[in-house]
PDB file of N, CA and C in Angstrom:
ATOM      1  N   MET A   1      -3.761 -24.360   9.481  1.00  0.00           N
ATOM      2  CA  MET A   1      -4.755 -23.696  10.292  1.00  0.00           C
ATOM      3  C   MET A   1      -4.253 -23.627  11.736  1.00  0.00           C
ATOM      4  N   PRO A   2      -4.458 -22.498  12.356  1.00  0.00           N
ATOM      5  CA  PRO A   2      -4.055 -22.388  13.766  1.00  0.00           C
ATOM      6  C   PRO A   2      -4.989 -23.188  14.664  1.00  0.00           C
ATOM      7  N   GLU A   3      -4.470 -23.532  15.813  1.00  0.00           N
ATOM      8  CA  GLU A   3      -5.284 -24.230  16.797  1.00  0.00           C
ATOM      9  C   GLU A   3      -6.392 -23.306  17.270  1.00  0.00           C
ATOM     10  N   VAL A   4      -7.505 -23.891  17.699  1.00  0.00           N
ATOM     11  CA  VAL A   4      -8.618 -23.107  18.225  1.00  0.00           C
ATOM     12  C   VAL A   4      -8.125 -22.299  19.423  1.00  0.00           C
ATOM     13  N   GLY A   5      -8.418 -21.016  19.428  1.00  0.00           N
ATOM     14  CA  GLY A   5      -8.040 -20.134  20.520  1.00  0.00           C
ATOM     15  C   GLY A   5      -6.628 -19.590  20.444  1.00  0.00           C
ATOM     16  N   LYS A   6      -5.833 -20.037  19.451  1.00  0.00           N
ATOM     17  CA  LYS A   6      -4.458 -19.553  19.328  1.00  0.00           C
ATOM     18  C   LYS A   6      -4.460 -18.114  18.826  1.00  0.00           C
ATOM     19  N   ILE A   7      -3.663 -17.285  19.448  1.00  0.00           N
ATOM     20  CA  ILE A   7      -3.506 -15.895  19.017  1.00  0.00           C
ATOM     21  C   ILE A   7      -2.401 -15.844  17.966  1.00  0.00           C
ATOM     22  N   ILE A   8      -2.730 -15.279  16.822  1.00  0.00           N
ATOM     23  CA  ILE A   8      -1.750 -15.134  15.747  1.00  0.00           C
ATOM     24  C   ILE A   8      -1.217 -13.710  15.823  1.00  0.00           C
ATOM     25  N   ARG A   9       0.030 -13.596  16.225  1.00  0.00           N
ATOM     26  CA  ARG A   9       0.648 -12.271  16.378  1.00  0.00           C
ATOM     27  C   ARG A   9       0.946 -11.703  14.990  1.00  0.00           C
ATOM     28  N   SER A  10       0.348 -10.557  14.718  1.00  0.00           N
ATOM     29  CA  SER A  10       0.432  -9.983  13.374  1.00  0.00           C
ATOM     30  C   SER A  10       0.785  -8.512  13.418  1.00  0.00           C
ATOM     31  N   TRP A  11       1.380  -8.058  12.310  1.00  0.00           N
ATOM     32  CA  TRP A  11       1.605  -6.636  12.074  1.00  0.00           C
ATOM     33  C   TRP A  11       0.849  -6.257  10.812  1.00  0.00           C
ATOM     34  N   PHE A  12       0.328  -5.056  10.801  1.00  0.00           N
ATOM     35  CA  PHE A  12      -0.398  -4.540   9.648  1.00  0.00           C
ATOM     36  C   PHE A  12       0.306  -3.280   9.161  1.00  0.00           C
ATOM     37  N   LEU A  13       0.680  -3.277   7.904  1.00  0.00           N
ATOM     38  CA  LEU A  13       1.324  -2.124   7.290  1.00  0.00           C
ATOM     39  C   LEU A  13       0.256  -1.404   6.465  1.00  0.00           C
ATOM     40  N   TYR A  14      -0.158  -0.230   6.942  1.00  0.00           N
ATOM     41  CA  TYR A  14      -1.262   0.492   6.328  1.00  0.00           C
ATOM     42  C   TYR A  14      -0.819   1.478   5.260  1.00  0.00           C
ATOM     43  N   ASP A  15       0.412   1.904   5.300  1.00  0.00           N
ATOM     44  CA  ASP A  15       0.882   2.922   4.376  1.00  0.00           C
ATOM     45  C   ASP A  15       2.237   2.488   3.838  1.00  0.00           C
ATOM     46  N   LEU A  16       2.380   2.498   2.544  1.00  0.00           N
ATOM     47  CA  LEU A  16       3.608   2.020   1.925  1.00  0.00           C
ATOM     48  C   LEU A  16       3.921   2.915   0.735  1.00  0.00           C
ATOM     49  N   PHE A  17       5.154   3.416   0.687  1.00  0.00           N
ATOM     50  CA  PHE A  17       5.564   4.256  -0.433  1.00  0.00           C
ATOM     51  C   PHE A  17       7.037   4.051  -0.732  1.00  0.00           C
ATOM     52  N   ALA A  18       7.348   3.895  -1.988  1.00  0.00           N
ATOM     53  CA  ALA A  18       8.736   3.845  -2.457  1.00  0.00           C
ATOM     54  C   ALA A  18       8.734   4.283  -3.921  1.00  0.00           C
ATOM     55  N   LYS A  19       9.689   5.101  -4.289  1.00  0.00           N
ATOM     56  CA  LYS A  19       9.756   5.601  -5.665  1.00  0.00           C
ATOM     57  C   LYS A  19      10.251   4.534  -6.643  1.00  0.00           C
ATOM     58  N   LYS A  20      11.219   3.728  -6.209  1.00  0.00           N
ATOM     59  CA  LYS A  20      11.841   2.743  -7.094  1.00  0.00           C
ATOM     60  C   LYS A  20      11.586   1.333  -6.561  1.00  0.00           C
ATOM     61  N   ASP A  21      11.598   0.359  -7.481  1.00  0.00           N
ATOM     62  CA  ASP A  21      11.345  -1.026  -7.080  1.00  0.00           C
ATOM     63  C   ASP A  21      12.392  -1.560  -6.107  1.00  0.00           C
ATOM     64  N   ASP A  22      13.666  -1.171  -6.288  1.00  0.00           N
ATOM     65  CA  ASP A  22      14.692  -1.653  -5.366  1.00  0.00           C
ATOM     66  C   ASP A  22      14.485  -1.054  -3.968  1.00  0.00           C
ATOM     67  N   GLU A  23      13.993   0.181  -3.908  1.00  0.00           N
ATOM     68  CA  GLU A  23      13.676   0.786  -2.616  1.00  0.00           C
ATOM     69  C   GLU A  23      12.480   0.079  -1.970  1.00  0.00           C
ATOM     70  N   LEU A  24      11.510  -0.287  -2.787  1.00  0.00           N
ATOM     71  CA  LEU A  24      10.334  -1.003  -2.292  1.00  0.00           C
ATOM     72  C   LEU A  24      10.732  -2.352  -1.702  1.00  0.00           C
ATOM     73  N   GLU A  25      11.557  -3.087  -2.420  1.00  0.00           N
ATOM     74  CA  GLU A  25      12.007  -4.393  -1.928  1.00  0.00           C
ATOM     75  C   GLU A  25      12.787  -4.242  -0.627  1.00  0.00           C
ATOM     76  N   ALA A  26      13.672  -3.261  -0.560  1.00  0.00           N
ATOM     77  CA  ALA A  26      14.451  -3.039   0.665  1.00  0.00           C
ATOM     78  C   ALA A  26      13.545  -2.665   1.830  1.00  0.00           C
ATOM     79  N   LEU A  27      12.544  -1.834   1.566  1.00  0.00           N
ATOM     80  CA  LEU A  27      11.616  -1.421   2.611  1.00  0.00           C
ATOM     81  C   LEU A  27      10.816  -2.609   3.138  1.00  0.00           C
ATOM     82  N   ILE A  28      10.284  -3.420   2.237  1.00  0.00           N
ATOM     83  CA  ILE A  28       9.507  -4.587   2.662  1.00  0.00           C
ATOM     84  C   ILE A  28      10.393  -5.562   3.432  1.00  0.00           C
ATOM     85  N   ASN A  29      11.615  -5.774   2.972  1.00  0.00           N
ATOM     86  CA  ASN A  29      12.525  -6.674   3.687  1.00  0.00           C
ATOM     87  C   ASN A  29      12.845  -6.151   5.087  1.00  0.00           C
ATOM     88  N   LYS A  30      12.993  -4.849   5.222  1.00  0.00           N
ATOM     89  CA  LYS A  30      13.264  -4.256   6.547  1.00  0.00           C
ATOM     90  C   LYS A  30      12.067  -4.467   7.479  1.00  0.00           C
ATOM     91  N   VAL A  31      10.881  -4.237   6.961  1.00  0.00           N
ATOM     92  CA  VAL A  31       9.673  -4.432   7.774  1.00  0.00           C
ATOM     93  C   VAL A  31       9.526  -5.906   8.166  1.00  0.00           C
ATOM     94  N   LYS A  32       9.789  -6.810   7.219  1.00  0.00           N
ATOM     95  CA  LYS A  32       9.727  -8.246   7.536  1.00  0.00           C
ATOM     96  C   LYS A  32      10.719  -8.606   8.636  1.00  0.00           C
ATOM     97  N   THR A  33      11.928  -8.060   8.554  1.00  0.00           N
ATOM     98  CA  THR A  33      12.944  -8.324   9.573  1.00  0.00           C
ATOM     99  C   THR A  33      12.491  -7.823  10.936  1.00  0.00           C
ATOM    100  N   LEU A  34      11.940  -6.612  10.977  1.00  0.00           N
ATOM    101  CA  LEU A  34      11.438  -6.071  12.240  1.00  0.00           C
ATOM    102  C   LEU A  34      10.288  -6.912  12.793  1.00  0.00           C
ATOM    103  N   ALA A  35       9.435  -7.388  11.922  1.00  0.00           N
ATOM    104  CA  ALA A  35       8.323  -8.234  12.364  1.00  0.00           C
ATOM    105  C   ALA A  35       8.851  -9.524  13.001  1.00  0.00           C
ATOM    106  N   ILE A  36       9.819 -10.132  12.372  1.00  0.00           N
ATOM    107  CA  ILE A  36      10.406 -11.365  12.910  1.00  0.00           C
ATOM    108  C   ILE A  36      11.083 -11.090  14.247  1.00  0.00           C
ATOM    109  N   GLN A  37      11.820  -9.999  14.337  1.00  0.00           N
ATOM    110  CA  GLN A  37      12.495  -9.647  15.592  1.00  0.00           C
ATOM    111  C   GLN A  37      11.492  -9.415  16.725  1.00  0.00           C
ATOM    112  N   ASN A  38      10.292  -8.973  16.364  1.00  0.00           N
ATOM    113  CA  ASN A  38       9.249  -8.719  17.356  1.00  0.00           C
ATOM    114  C   ASN A  38       8.282  -9.893  17.492  1.00  0.00           C
ATOM    115  N   LYS A  39       8.729 -11.061  17.016  1.00  0.00           N
ATOM    116  CA  LYS A  39       8.002 -12.319  17.168  1.00  0.00           C
ATOM    117  C   LYS A  39       6.598 -12.298  16.560  1.00  0.00           C
ATOM    118  N   LYS A  40       6.481 -11.621  15.425  1.00  0.00           N
ATOM    119  CA  LYS A  40       5.212 -11.603  14.693  1.00  0.00           C
ATOM    120  C   LYS A  40       5.194 -12.779  13.726  1.00  0.00           C
ATOM    121  N   GLU A  41       4.041 -13.382  13.596  1.00  0.00           N
ATOM    122  CA  GLU A  41       3.897 -14.552  12.734  1.00  0.00           C
ATOM    123  C   GLU A  41       3.433 -14.186  11.325  1.00  0.00           C
ATOM    124  N   LEU A  42       2.670 -13.105  11.221  1.00  0.00           N
ATOM    125  CA  LEU A  42       2.168 -12.674   9.922  1.00  0.00           C
ATOM    126  C   LEU A  42       2.368 -11.176   9.754  1.00  0.00           C
ATOM    127  N   LEU A  43       2.644 -10.781   8.528  1.00  0.00           N
ATOM    128  CA  LEU A  43       2.768  -9.373   8.177  1.00  0.00           C
ATOM    129  C   LEU A  43       1.782  -9.111   7.039  1.00  0.00           C
ATOM    130  N   TYR A  44       0.870  -8.192   7.269  1.00  0.00           N
ATOM    131  CA  TYR A  44      -0.120  -7.835   6.262  1.00  0.00           C
ATOM    132  C   TYR A  44       0.234  -6.477   5.689  1.00  0.00           C
ATOM    133  N   ILE A  45       0.230  -6.380   4.364  1.00  0.00           N
ATOM    134  CA  ILE A  45       0.380  -5.100   3.685  1.00  0.00           C
ATOM    135  C   ILE A  45      -0.987  -4.796   3.101  1.00  0.00           C
ATOM    136  N   LEU A  46      -1.652  -3.802   3.662  1.00  0.00           N
ATOM    137  CA  LEU A  46      -3.029  -3.496   3.286  1.00  0.00           C
ATOM    138  C   LEU A  46      -3.059  -2.396   2.230  1.00  0.00           C
ATOM    139  N   LEU A  47      -3.461  -2.792   1.031  1.00  0.00           N
ATOM    140  CA  LEU A  47      -3.572  -1.853  -0.078  1.00  0.00           C
ATOM    141  C   LEU A  47      -4.841  -2.163  -0.859  1.00  0.00           C
ATOM    142  N   PRO A  48      -5.484  -1.144  -1.418  1.00  0.00           N
ATOM    143  CA  PRO A  48      -6.624  -1.429  -2.291  1.00  0.00           C
ATOM    144  C   PRO A  48      -6.134  -2.113  -3.566  1.00  0.00           C
ATOM    145  N   VAL A  49      -6.958  -2.952  -4.138  1.00  0.00           N
ATOM    146  CA  VAL A  49      -6.579  -3.705  -5.336  1.00  0.00           C
ATOM    147  C   VAL A  49      -6.163  -2.759  -6.461  1.00  0.00           C
ATOM    148  N   SER A  50      -6.750  -1.594  -6.515  1.00  0.00           N
ATOM    149  CA  SER A  50      -6.451  -0.645  -7.591  1.00  0.00           C
ATOM    150  C   SER A  50      -5.136   0.117  -7.391  1.00  0.00           C
ATOM    151  N   ASP A  51      -4.502  -0.042  -6.256  1.00  0.00           N
ATOM    152  CA  ASP A  51      -3.248   0.675  -5.972  1.00  0.00           C
ATOM    153  C   ASP A  51      -2.131   0.126  -6.860  1.00  0.00           C
ATOM    154  N   PRO A  52      -1.422   0.977  -7.610  1.00  0.00           N
ATOM    155  CA  PRO A  52      -0.329   0.513  -8.471  1.00  0.00           C
ATOM    156  C   PRO A  52       0.783  -0.203  -7.699  1.00  0.00           C
ATOM    157  N   MET A  53       0.868   0.044  -6.405  1.00  0.00           N
ATOM    158  CA  MET A  53       1.885  -0.611  -5.582  1.00  0.00           C
ATOM    159  C   MET A  53       1.684  -2.131  -5.562  1.00  0.00           C
ATOM    160  N   VAL A  54       0.441  -2.579  -5.710  1.00  0.00           N
ATOM    161  CA  VAL A  54       0.150  -4.018  -5.702  1.00  0.00           C
ATOM    162  C   VAL A  54       0.908  -4.713  -6.835  1.00  0.00           C
ATOM    163  N   GLU A  55       0.834  -4.160  -8.028  1.00  0.00           N
ATOM    164  CA  GLU A  55       1.544  -4.752  -9.169  1.00  0.00           C
ATOM    165  C   GLU A  55       3.053  -4.687  -8.978  1.00  0.00           C
ATOM    166  N   ARG A  56       3.535  -3.618  -8.400  1.00  0.00           N
ATOM    167  CA  ARG A  56       4.982  -3.497  -8.145  1.00  0.00           C
ATOM    168  C   ARG A  56       5.435  -4.563  -7.154  1.00  0.00           C
ATOM    169  N   ILE A  57       4.643  -4.818  -6.147  1.00  0.00           N
ATOM    170  CA  ILE A  57       4.990  -5.848  -5.158  1.00  0.00           C
ATOM    171  C   ILE A  57       4.978  -7.228  -5.812  1.00  0.00           C
ATOM    172  N   LYS A  58       3.997  -7.486  -6.664  1.00  0.00           N
ATOM    173  CA  LYS A  58       3.931  -8.780  -7.365  1.00  0.00           C
ATOM    174  C   LYS A  58       5.182  -9.017  -8.210  1.00  0.00           C
ATOM    175  N   LYS A  59       5.707  -7.976  -8.834  1.00  0.00           N
ATOM    176  CA  LYS A  59       6.903  -8.098  -9.674  1.00  0.00           C
ATOM    177  C   LYS A  59       8.134  -8.518  -8.877  1.00  0.00           C
ATOM    178  N   LEU A  60       8.124  -8.266  -7.574  1.00  0.00           N
ATOM    179  CA  LEU A  60       9.267  -8.617  -6.732  1.00  0.00           C
ATOM    180  C   LEU A  60       9.361 -10.118  -6.505  1.00  0.00           C
ATOM    181  N   LYS A  61       8.271 -10.835  -6.787  1.00  0.00           N
ATOM    182  CA  LYS A  61       8.218 -12.290  -6.644  1.00  0.00           C
ATOM    183  C   LYS A  61       8.560 -12.739  -5.221  1.00  0.00           C
ATOM    184  N   MET A  62       8.099 -11.975  -4.253  1.00  0.00           N
ATOM    185  CA  MET A  62       8.290 -12.349  -2.851  1.00  0.00           C
ATOM    186  C   MET A  62       7.221 -13.377  -2.501  1.00  0.00           C
ATOM    187  N   LYS A  63       7.513 -14.213  -1.548  1.00  0.00           N
ATOM    188  CA  LYS A  63       6.557 -15.221  -1.127  1.00  0.00           C
ATOM    189  C   LYS A  63       5.482 -14.541  -0.277  1.00  0.00           C
ATOM    190  N   MET A  64       4.275 -14.451  -0.828  1.00  0.00           N
ATOM    191  CA  MET A  64       3.157 -13.825  -0.119  1.00  0.00           C
ATOM    192  C   MET A  64       1.908 -14.653  -0.355  1.00  0.00           C
ATOM    193  N   TYR A  65       1.027 -14.630   0.578  1.00  0.00           N
ATOM    194  CA  TYR A  65      -0.212 -15.376   0.497  1.00  0.00           C
ATOM    195  C   TYR A  65      -1.371 -14.483   0.866  1.00  0.00           C
ATOM    196  N   THR A  66      -2.508 -14.699   0.246  1.00  0.00           N
ATOM    197  CA  THR A  66      -3.725 -14.006   0.629  1.00  0.00           C
ATOM    198  C   THR A  66      -4.843 -15.022   0.788  1.00  0.00           C
ATOM    199  N   LEU A  67      -5.753 -14.717   1.642  1.00  0.00           N
ATOM    200  CA  LEU A  67      -6.934 -15.580   1.831  1.00  0.00           C
ATOM    201  C   LEU A  67      -8.183 -14.782   1.549  1.00  0.00           C
TER     202      LEU A  67
END
């Protein structure tokens, strides 16, 4: 848990598209790298639960957390 009053620097990815799973993984890794370079602590990928991209992302077995 963050300290009271601490600002959590975050990026929100609202739109995500890739035709192939390897392209999707490369795209997410690039965005993660850019987030780290810009001193962001959290990266959110915002998708509706019904979006097929959610299952594709889960298959990548990347370390992700939701609350």
